[in-house]
Protein backbone atom coordinates (compact mmCIF):
# COMPACT_ATOMS: atom_id res chain seq x y z
CA MET A 1 18.22 -23.43 22.23
CA ARG A 2 19.98 -21.35 19.40
CA SER A 3 17.74 -18.99 17.89
CA LEU A 4 17.45 -20.33 14.44
CA LYS A 5 18.18 -16.43 13.40
CA LYS A 6 21.13 -15.47 12.25
CA SER A 7 21.95 -12.71 15.16
CA VAL A 8 22.91 -8.93 13.96
CA LEU A 9 25.03 -6.29 15.61
CA PHE A 10 23.22 -2.97 15.52
CA VAL A 11 25.81 -0.46 16.10
CA THR A 12 24.59 2.75 16.55
CA THR A 13 24.95 6.30 18.53
CA TYR A 14 22.11 6.26 20.81
CA ASP A 15 20.12 4.00 22.62
CA PRO A 16 16.47 3.94 20.38
CA GLN A 17 14.64 3.70 23.27
CA SER A 18 15.59 7.00 24.62
CA GLN A 19 13.26 9.05 22.58
CA SER A 20 15.09 12.26 23.52
CA TRP A 21 17.96 11.52 21.25
CA GLY A 22 15.30 13.14 18.28
CA GLY A 23 15.10 13.00 14.70
CA ALA A 24 18.51 9.74 14.66
CA SER A 25 16.42 7.27 17.65
CA TRP A 26 12.44 7.62 15.63
CA VAL A 27 14.71 6.46 11.86
CA ASP A 28 16.79 3.59 13.89
CA THR A 29 13.94 2.36 16.37
CA ARG A 30 12.35 1.75 13.05
CA ILE A 31 14.49 -0.12 11.58
CA ILE A 32 15.32 -2.08 14.17
CA ASP A 33 12.27 -3.34 14.45
CA ASP A 34 11.63 -3.93 10.42
CA LEU A 35 15.48 -6.18 11.33
CA SER A 36 13.43 -7.60 14.20
CA SER A 37 10.93 -9.40 12.30
CA THR A 38 14.00 -11.64 10.40
CA PHE A 39 16.87 -11.28 12.61
CA GLU A 40 17.64 -11.63 16.32
CA VAL A 41 18.42 -8.01 16.65
CA ARG A 42 21.43 -7.00 19.11
CA ILE A 43 22.10 -3.16 20.45
CA PHE A 44 25.09 -1.58 20.71
CA ALA A 45 24.62 2.09 21.82
CA ILE A 46 27.99 4.36 21.84
CA VAL A 47 26.27 6.53 24.17
CA GLN A 48 24.54 4.66 27.09
CA ASP A 49 22.01 6.69 28.88
CA ALA A 50 23.15 8.87 32.34
CA SER A 51 21.42 6.14 34.65
CA LEU A 52 23.85 3.45 33.45
CA THR A 53 27.58 6.13 33.12
CA ARG A 54 29.35 8.90 35.37
CA SER A 55 30.43 9.86 31.87
CA PRO A 56 28.56 9.31 28.75
CA VAL A 57 29.99 9.94 25.41
CA PRO A 58 30.21 13.42 25.06
CA LEU A 59 28.44 14.64 21.90
CA GLU A 60 28.50 18.45 22.17
CA ILE A 61 31.14 20.54 23.34
CA LYS A 62 30.66 24.23 23.15
CA ALA A 63 29.17 24.72 26.42
CA ARG A 64 32.58 22.51 27.84
CA PRO A 65 35.80 24.48 27.37
CA ALA A 66 38.77 21.40 28.06
CA ALA A 67 37.07 19.32 25.90
CA ALA A 68 36.09 22.36 22.98
CA ALA A 69 39.89 22.82 23.75
CA SER A 70 40.94 19.97 23.32
CA THR A 71 39.22 19.06 19.70
CA ILE A 72 40.35 21.97 18.06
CA LEU A 73 44.45 20.53 19.04
CA ARG A 74 43.62 17.78 17.80
CA MET A 75 42.52 19.17 14.42
CA VAL A 76 44.96 21.27 13.93
CA PHE A 77 47.96 18.99 15.44
CA LEU A 78 46.57 15.69 14.30
CA ARG A 79 44.79 16.52 11.41
CA GLU A 80 41.20 14.78 11.52
CA PRO A 81 38.65 16.63 11.21
CA TYR A 82 35.81 18.39 13.76
CA GLN A 83 33.65 15.32 13.38
CA GLU A 84 36.05 13.01 14.31
CA ALA A 85 38.64 14.77 16.77
CA LYS A 86 35.22 15.87 18.85
CA PHE A 87 34.82 11.91 19.93
CA ARG A 88 38.67 10.37 20.22
CA PHE A 89 39.71 12.69 22.15
CA SER A 90 37.62 11.70 25.46
CA ARG A 91 38.54 8.31 26.96
CA SER A 92 34.75 7.84 27.94
CA TRP A 93 35.17 6.80 23.83
CA LYS A 94 37.94 4.91 23.86
CA GLN A 95 35.87 3.09 26.97
CA ARG A 96 32.89 2.09 24.50
CA ARG A 97 35.56 0.77 21.98
CA ALA A 98 36.47 -1.66 24.55
CA ASP A 99 32.98 -2.25 25.01
CA LEU A 100 31.92 -3.20 22.01
CA THR A 101 36.00 -4.96 20.96
CA SER A 102 34.67 -7.18 24.20
CA GLU A 103 31.40 -7.31 23.22
CA ILE A 104 32.21 -9.16 19.66
CA ARG A 105 34.67 -11.24 21.71
CA ILE A 106 32.09 -13.22 23.56
CA ASN A 107 29.17 -12.82 21.94
CA PRO A 108 30.30 -12.87 17.98
CA PRO A 109 27.32 -12.24 15.96
CA ASP A 110 26.95 -13.30 12.25
CA LEU A 111 26.16 -9.46 10.37
CA ILE A 112 27.62 -6.25 11.35
CA VAL A 113 25.05 -3.49 11.00
CA THR A 114 26.60 0.30 12.05
CA SER A 115 24.06 3.29 11.61
CA GLN A 116 24.82 6.95 11.73
CA TRP A 117 28.73 8.15 11.20
CA PRO A 118 29.30 7.39 15.12
CA GLY A 119 28.95 4.07 14.49
CA LEU A 120 31.13 3.38 11.78
CA LEU A 121 33.50 5.34 12.61
CA MET A 122 33.57 3.35 15.83
CA ALA A 123 33.42 0.14 14.68
CA GLU A 124 36.66 1.42 11.95
CA GLN A 125 38.32 1.36 15.60
CA ALA A 126 37.50 -1.43 16.53
CA GLY A 127 38.53 -3.24 13.73
CA LEU A 128 35.16 -4.49 12.66
CA TYR A 129 34.82 -4.86 9.08
CA PRO A 130 30.37 -3.93 8.86
CA ASN A 131 27.90 -5.83 6.69
CA LEU A 132 25.58 -3.53 5.97
CA HIS A 133 25.93 1.12 7.17
CA ILE A 134 22.50 2.87 7.11
CA ALA A 135 23.56 6.61 6.32
CA HIS A 136 21.61 9.18 7.90
CA ASN A 137 23.37 12.30 6.07
CA VAL A 138 26.64 12.68 4.85
CA ASP A 139 28.26 14.44 7.45
CA THR A 140 30.61 16.20 4.36
CA VAL A 141 27.64 17.87 3.48
CA LEU A 142 26.72 19.40 7.07
CA ALA A 143 30.46 20.57 7.20
CA GLU A 144 30.43 22.77 3.83
CA ASN A 145 26.84 24.23 4.88
CA PHE A 146 27.60 24.92 8.87
CA ASP A 147 31.47 25.03 9.90
CA PRO A 148 32.61 27.98 10.92
CA ALA A 149 35.39 30.51 9.92
CA ILE A 150 37.49 29.01 11.86
CA PHE A 151 37.60 25.41 10.98
CA HIS A 152 37.71 26.35 7.15
CA ALA A 153 40.54 28.15 7.62
CA ILE A 154 41.95 24.17 8.61
CA ARG A 155 40.47 22.89 5.54
CA ASN A 156 38.05 20.92 8.08
CA VAL A 157 35.68 20.17 4.87
CA ALA A 158 38.60 18.94 3.12
CA ARG A 159 40.15 16.14 5.51
CA MET A 160 36.17 15.50 6.62
CA ARG A 161 35.47 15.07 2.44
CA GLU A 162 38.62 12.08 2.87
CA ARG A 163 37.57 10.32 5.91
CA GLU A 164 34.13 10.05 5.04
CA LYS A 165 35.03 8.22 1.83
CA GLY A 166 37.79 6.13 3.62
CA LEU A 167 35.06 5.21 6.30
CA LEU A 168 32.43 4.45 3.54
CA ARG A 169 34.62 2.04 1.60
CA ARG A 170 34.74 -0.34 4.64
CA PRO A 171 31.14 -1.83 4.67
CA VAL A 172 29.79 -4.40 2.74
CA ALA A 173 27.53 -2.29 1.88
CA ILE A 174 25.64 1.21 2.07
CA ALA A 175 22.50 1.73 2.60
CA ALA A 176 21.50 5.80 2.72
CA ILE A 177 18.14 6.76 4.29
CA SER A 178 18.52 9.78 1.44
CA ARG A 179 17.92 9.46 -2.21
CA SER A 180 20.07 12.19 -2.40
CA ASP A 181 22.75 11.21 -0.22
CA ALA A 182 22.47 7.76 -1.85
CA ARG A 183 23.36 9.56 -5.19
CA ARG A 184 26.04 11.37 -3.43
CA ILE A 185 28.28 8.35 -2.31
CA SER A 186 27.76 6.58 -5.91
CA ASP A 187 28.88 9.41 -7.25
CA TRP A 188 32.34 9.21 -5.05
CA GLY A 189 33.41 5.88 -6.45
CA ILE A 190 30.84 4.05 -3.22
CA PRO A 191 28.10 2.12 -4.43
CA ALA A 192 25.04 3.08 -2.30
CA ARG A 193 21.35 2.50 -2.26
CA PRO A 194 18.39 5.22 -0.60
CA ILE A 195 15.95 2.53 1.64
CA SER A 196 12.66 2.75 2.62
CA ILE A 197 11.44 3.72 6.54
CA PRO A 198 9.08 1.44 7.94
CA LEU A 199 5.80 3.67 8.93
CA THR A 200 2.69 3.08 10.51
CA VAL A 201 0.03 5.93 8.92
CA ARG A 202 -3.03 6.42 10.86
CA PRO A 203 -5.99 9.21 10.96
CA ALA A 204 -4.80 12.34 12.62
CA THR A 205 -8.17 13.95 15.16
CA ARG A 206 -7.91 17.19 13.58
CA PRO A 207 -7.98 21.17 16.24
CA SER A 208 -10.79 23.17 16.22
CA THR A 209 -8.91 26.53 14.64
CA PHE A 210 -6.81 26.37 12.31
CA ALA A 211 -2.40 25.80 12.69
CA LEU A 212 0.59 25.10 11.45
CA GLY A 213 3.14 23.28 13.51
CA PHE A 214 6.84 22.37 13.02
CA ILE A 215 8.73 20.42 16.02
CA GLY A 216 12.61 19.74 16.03
CA LYS A 217 15.61 20.94 18.59
CA THR A 218 17.14 24.18 17.99
CA SER A 219 20.16 23.55 18.24
CA TRP A 220 20.44 21.85 14.80
CA PRO A 221 21.47 24.18 12.52
CA PRO A 222 18.83 23.59 10.25
CA ASN A 223 15.54 23.46 12.07
CA ARG A 224 16.25 26.77 13.54
CA THR A 225 17.20 27.44 9.59
CA ALA A 226 13.48 26.13 9.15
CA ILE A 227 11.76 28.11 12.44
CA ASP A 228 13.75 31.01 11.10
CA GLY A 229 11.91 30.96 7.72
CA LEU A 230 8.71 30.24 8.99
CA VAL A 231 8.65 32.74 11.43
CA GLY A 232 10.51 35.20 10.47
CA ASP A 233 9.27 34.92 6.24
CA LEU A 234 5.87 32.73 5.98
CA LEU A 235 3.75 34.47 8.35
CA PRO A 236 4.15 37.75 7.60
CA ILE A 237 2.60 36.91 3.96
CA LEU A 238 0.13 35.05 5.75
CA LYS A 239 -1.28 37.54 7.66
CA SER A 240 -1.13 40.23 5.21
CA ARG A 241 -3.78 37.69 2.40
CA LEU A 242 -5.80 36.29 5.42
CA GLY A 243 -5.87 38.80 7.87
CA SER A 244 -7.77 37.58 10.89
CA ASP A 245 -7.98 34.28 9.60
CA ALA A 246 -4.52 33.94 9.14
CA PRO A 247 -3.29 30.00 11.35
CA ARG A 248 -1.14 30.14 14.41
CA ILE A 249 2.01 28.57 15.03
CA ILE A 250 2.88 26.01 17.36
CA LEU A 251 6.80 25.64 17.27
CA ALA A 252 7.60 22.95 19.61
CA GLY A 253 11.26 21.02 20.58
CA ARG A 254 13.82 22.21 23.26
CA GLY A 255 15.28 25.53 22.70
CA SER A 256 11.26 26.70 20.78
CA GLU A 257 11.16 28.77 23.77
CA GLN A 258 12.89 31.92 22.15
CA TRP A 259 10.04 32.20 20.56
CA ALA A 260 7.77 32.79 22.79
CA ASN A 261 7.33 36.51 22.66
CA SER A 262 6.70 36.69 18.63
CA PRO A 263 3.13 37.65 17.76
CA GLY A 264 1.22 35.02 16.38
CA VAL A 265 2.97 32.26 17.28
CA GLU A 266 3.29 29.00 20.51
CA ALA A 267 6.24 28.21 21.72
CA TRP A 268 5.58 24.94 23.52
CA GLY A 269 9.63 24.00 24.27
CA GLU A 270 10.40 20.14 24.14
CA VAL A 271 7.49 18.13 24.81
CA ALA A 272 6.87 14.88 26.83
CA GLU A 273 3.85 13.94 24.38
CA LEU A 274 4.36 14.32 20.47
CA ASP A 275 0.46 12.87 20.03
CA ARG A 276 -0.43 16.18 21.91
CA PHE A 277 1.53 18.34 19.16
CA TYR A 278 -0.04 16.52 15.74
CA ARG A 279 -4.00 16.26 17.76
CA SER A 280 -3.28 20.90 17.47
CA ILE A 281 -1.84 21.38 14.26
CA ASP A 282 -3.14 20.55 10.75
CA LEU A 283 -0.29 21.51 8.68
CA VAL A 284 3.32 20.92 8.71
CA VAL A 285 5.36 23.69 6.95
CA ILE A 286 8.87 23.23 7.08
CA PRO A 287 10.93 25.62 5.23
CA ARG A 288 14.58 23.85 4.52
CA THR A 289 16.14 25.41 1.16
CA GLY A 290 18.97 24.83 -0.71
CA THR A 291 21.18 21.83 -0.05
CA THR A 292 20.30 19.72 2.07
CA THR A 293 21.92 16.14 3.82
CA GLY A 294 19.34 12.99 5.68
CA ILE A 295 15.87 12.93 5.72
CA SER A 296 12.83 15.47 7.33
CA VAL A 297 12.29 13.75 10.25
CA LYS A 298 9.87 15.94 11.23
CA LEU A 299 8.16 15.55 7.84
CA MET A 300 8.01 11.76 8.03
CA GLU A 301 6.69 11.34 11.97
CA ALA A 302 3.83 14.50 10.47
CA VAL A 303 2.81 11.50 7.77
CA GLU A 304 3.54 8.77 9.98
CA HIS A 305 0.42 10.81 11.94
CA GLY A 306 -1.85 11.35 9.20
CA ILE A 307 -0.90 15.64 8.64
CA CYS A 308 -0.55 17.20 5.68
CA VAL A 309 3.48 18.38 4.99
CA ILE A 310 4.06 21.35 2.51
CA ALA A 311 7.64 21.52 1.80
CA PRO A 312 10.27 21.20 -0.97
CA SER A 313 9.86 19.18 -3.37
CA ASN A 314 13.30 17.63 -3.10
CA LEU A 315 12.78 17.50 1.24
CA ILE A 316 10.06 15.41 0.26
CA GLU A 317 10.79 12.48 -2.42
CA ASP A 318 14.30 12.61 -0.44
CA ALA A 319 11.91 10.69 1.79
CA GLY A 320 10.09 8.51 -0.84
CA SER A 321 7.42 10.73 -1.86
CA PRO A 322 5.01 9.55 0.90
CA PRO A 323 1.14 10.18 0.47
CA GLY A 324 -0.34 13.23 2.54
CA CYS A 325 2.93 15.96 1.26
CA ILE A 326 2.20 19.33 -0.73
CA PRO A 327 5.63 20.49 -2.52
CA ALA A 328 6.47 23.61 -3.12
CA ASP A 329 9.85 25.04 -3.46
CA THR A 330 10.16 28.55 -2.12
CA ILE A 331 8.50 30.68 0.80
CA PRO A 332 5.56 32.29 -1.78
CA GLU A 333 5.19 28.97 -3.09
CA MET A 334 4.30 27.76 0.67
CA ALA A 335 3.00 30.68 1.33
CA THR A 336 0.13 29.80 -1.72
CA ALA A 337 -0.09 25.98 -0.44
CA VAL A 338 -1.12 27.28 2.60
CA VAL A 339 -3.59 29.49 1.11
CA ASP A 340 -5.40 27.00 -0.96
CA PHE A 341 -5.09 25.04 2.08
CA SER A 342 -6.94 26.72 4.27
CA ARG A 343 -9.81 26.96 1.54
CA SER A 344 -9.84 23.96 0.50
CA GLN A 345 -13.65 23.12 1.50
CA ASN A 346 -12.44 19.22 1.92
CA ARG A 347 -8.88 20.77 2.35
CA LEU A 348 -7.83 17.47 4.69
CA SER A 349 -9.40 14.64 2.48
CA HIS A 350 -6.08 14.41 0.55
CA CYS A 351 -3.75 14.05 3.20
CA GLU A 352 -5.97 10.73 4.90
CA PRO A 353 -4.00 7.73 4.74
CA THR A 354 -4.42 5.86 1.87
CA GLU A 355 -3.79 2.47 3.73
CA HIS A 356 -3.52 1.74 7.72
CA GLY A 357 0.43 0.25 8.75
CA SER A 358 1.08 1.16 4.89
CA VAL A 359 5.13 0.33 4.65
CA ILE A 360 6.10 3.78 2.25
CA GLY A 361 9.28 3.86 -0.02
CA ARG A 362 12.15 1.85 -1.93
CA ILE A 363 13.84 -1.41 -0.45
CA SER A 364 14.19 -1.79 3.44
CA ALA A 365 17.47 -2.40 5.41
CA ARG A 366 16.14 -5.71 6.42
CA ASP A 367 15.65 -6.72 2.43
CA LEU A 368 19.34 -5.68 1.80
CA LEU A 369 20.54 -7.43 5.28
CA GLU A 370 18.39 -10.51 3.75
CA GLU A 371 21.05 -10.21 0.21
CA LEU A 372 24.18 -10.29 2.29
CA ALA A 373 22.84 -13.01 4.40
CA LEU A 374 21.97 -15.40 1.98
CA GLY A 375 25.53 -14.29 -0.15
CA ASP A 376 23.65 -12.20 -2.84
CA ASN A 377 25.84 -9.36 -4.82
CA LEU A 378 24.80 -6.31 -4.51
């Protein structure tokens, strides 16, 4: 018997069940779980698990000279932005595009949702016009901040901006997980709404000694910047102000081992159990200053584990101002917040969740999709 729920095809970059892919999967998992309460959701992941294919779509090409060369040639001669060229050279990308077309033909959904830039790019190349796109970042901002000099020389940022604008005009509606990104996209003349990420907040188990923490793969430039700020800038100030009472810093995530020999730092590398990391810390500190895009998933993840977060006010606001966050916009302000936290007689009281299983933030992707399903004009 056919389900009475409308069917949704959710096209995204990674298999959301594979948490090894980090923040993007974390976000998608929570959105899909929320959508599933109203819709029958099928997932189309562009990057298949390695157990399902011999040649998955490549995401990182720096260590593959042939792939890097093909990407540069496409950028030069076809004038594609890097974030498009690095996918389109791949035979695996072409195969997944054919798989998506076949999926739509054999089992057409009532609604199509794309999530992240590659999902929208593949939908366009399959000739699809999604009902809803969920922007995790504005990729033009990433290009502006992290492109190497050679990309600036061939005007990659300008190409990326025009390509991204063109793609974002295809869906019926645009949602962004960041307030700032919703504003950026709207400023391009493309209406976009910030959405909430459903969270289940739970009390945390506190460690016996005072510790700060940060978790994230270091290949992601904002994470590396944050770790450099923690170890190189914040920790020396805390040692000068707190002396022997200064907290340890626990770093976790792929690539964090390179800080293993830094005084006052424990570097765990990739961890299999998130709960173990959060049981070992009192605070997450995120010194990501300057222009940002997307949300800090590590901020949201810490909140979900009942851990207080010290972060710039714009990161907190972009995430929907969840409880248990302490705004601090500079390294000295963060140091003062850590010191005040450490000396507070009841330092944990304002970090405890006020409601178990609460949903924090703004309108949800599910609400937006319900409006679309009913034919409402966003």
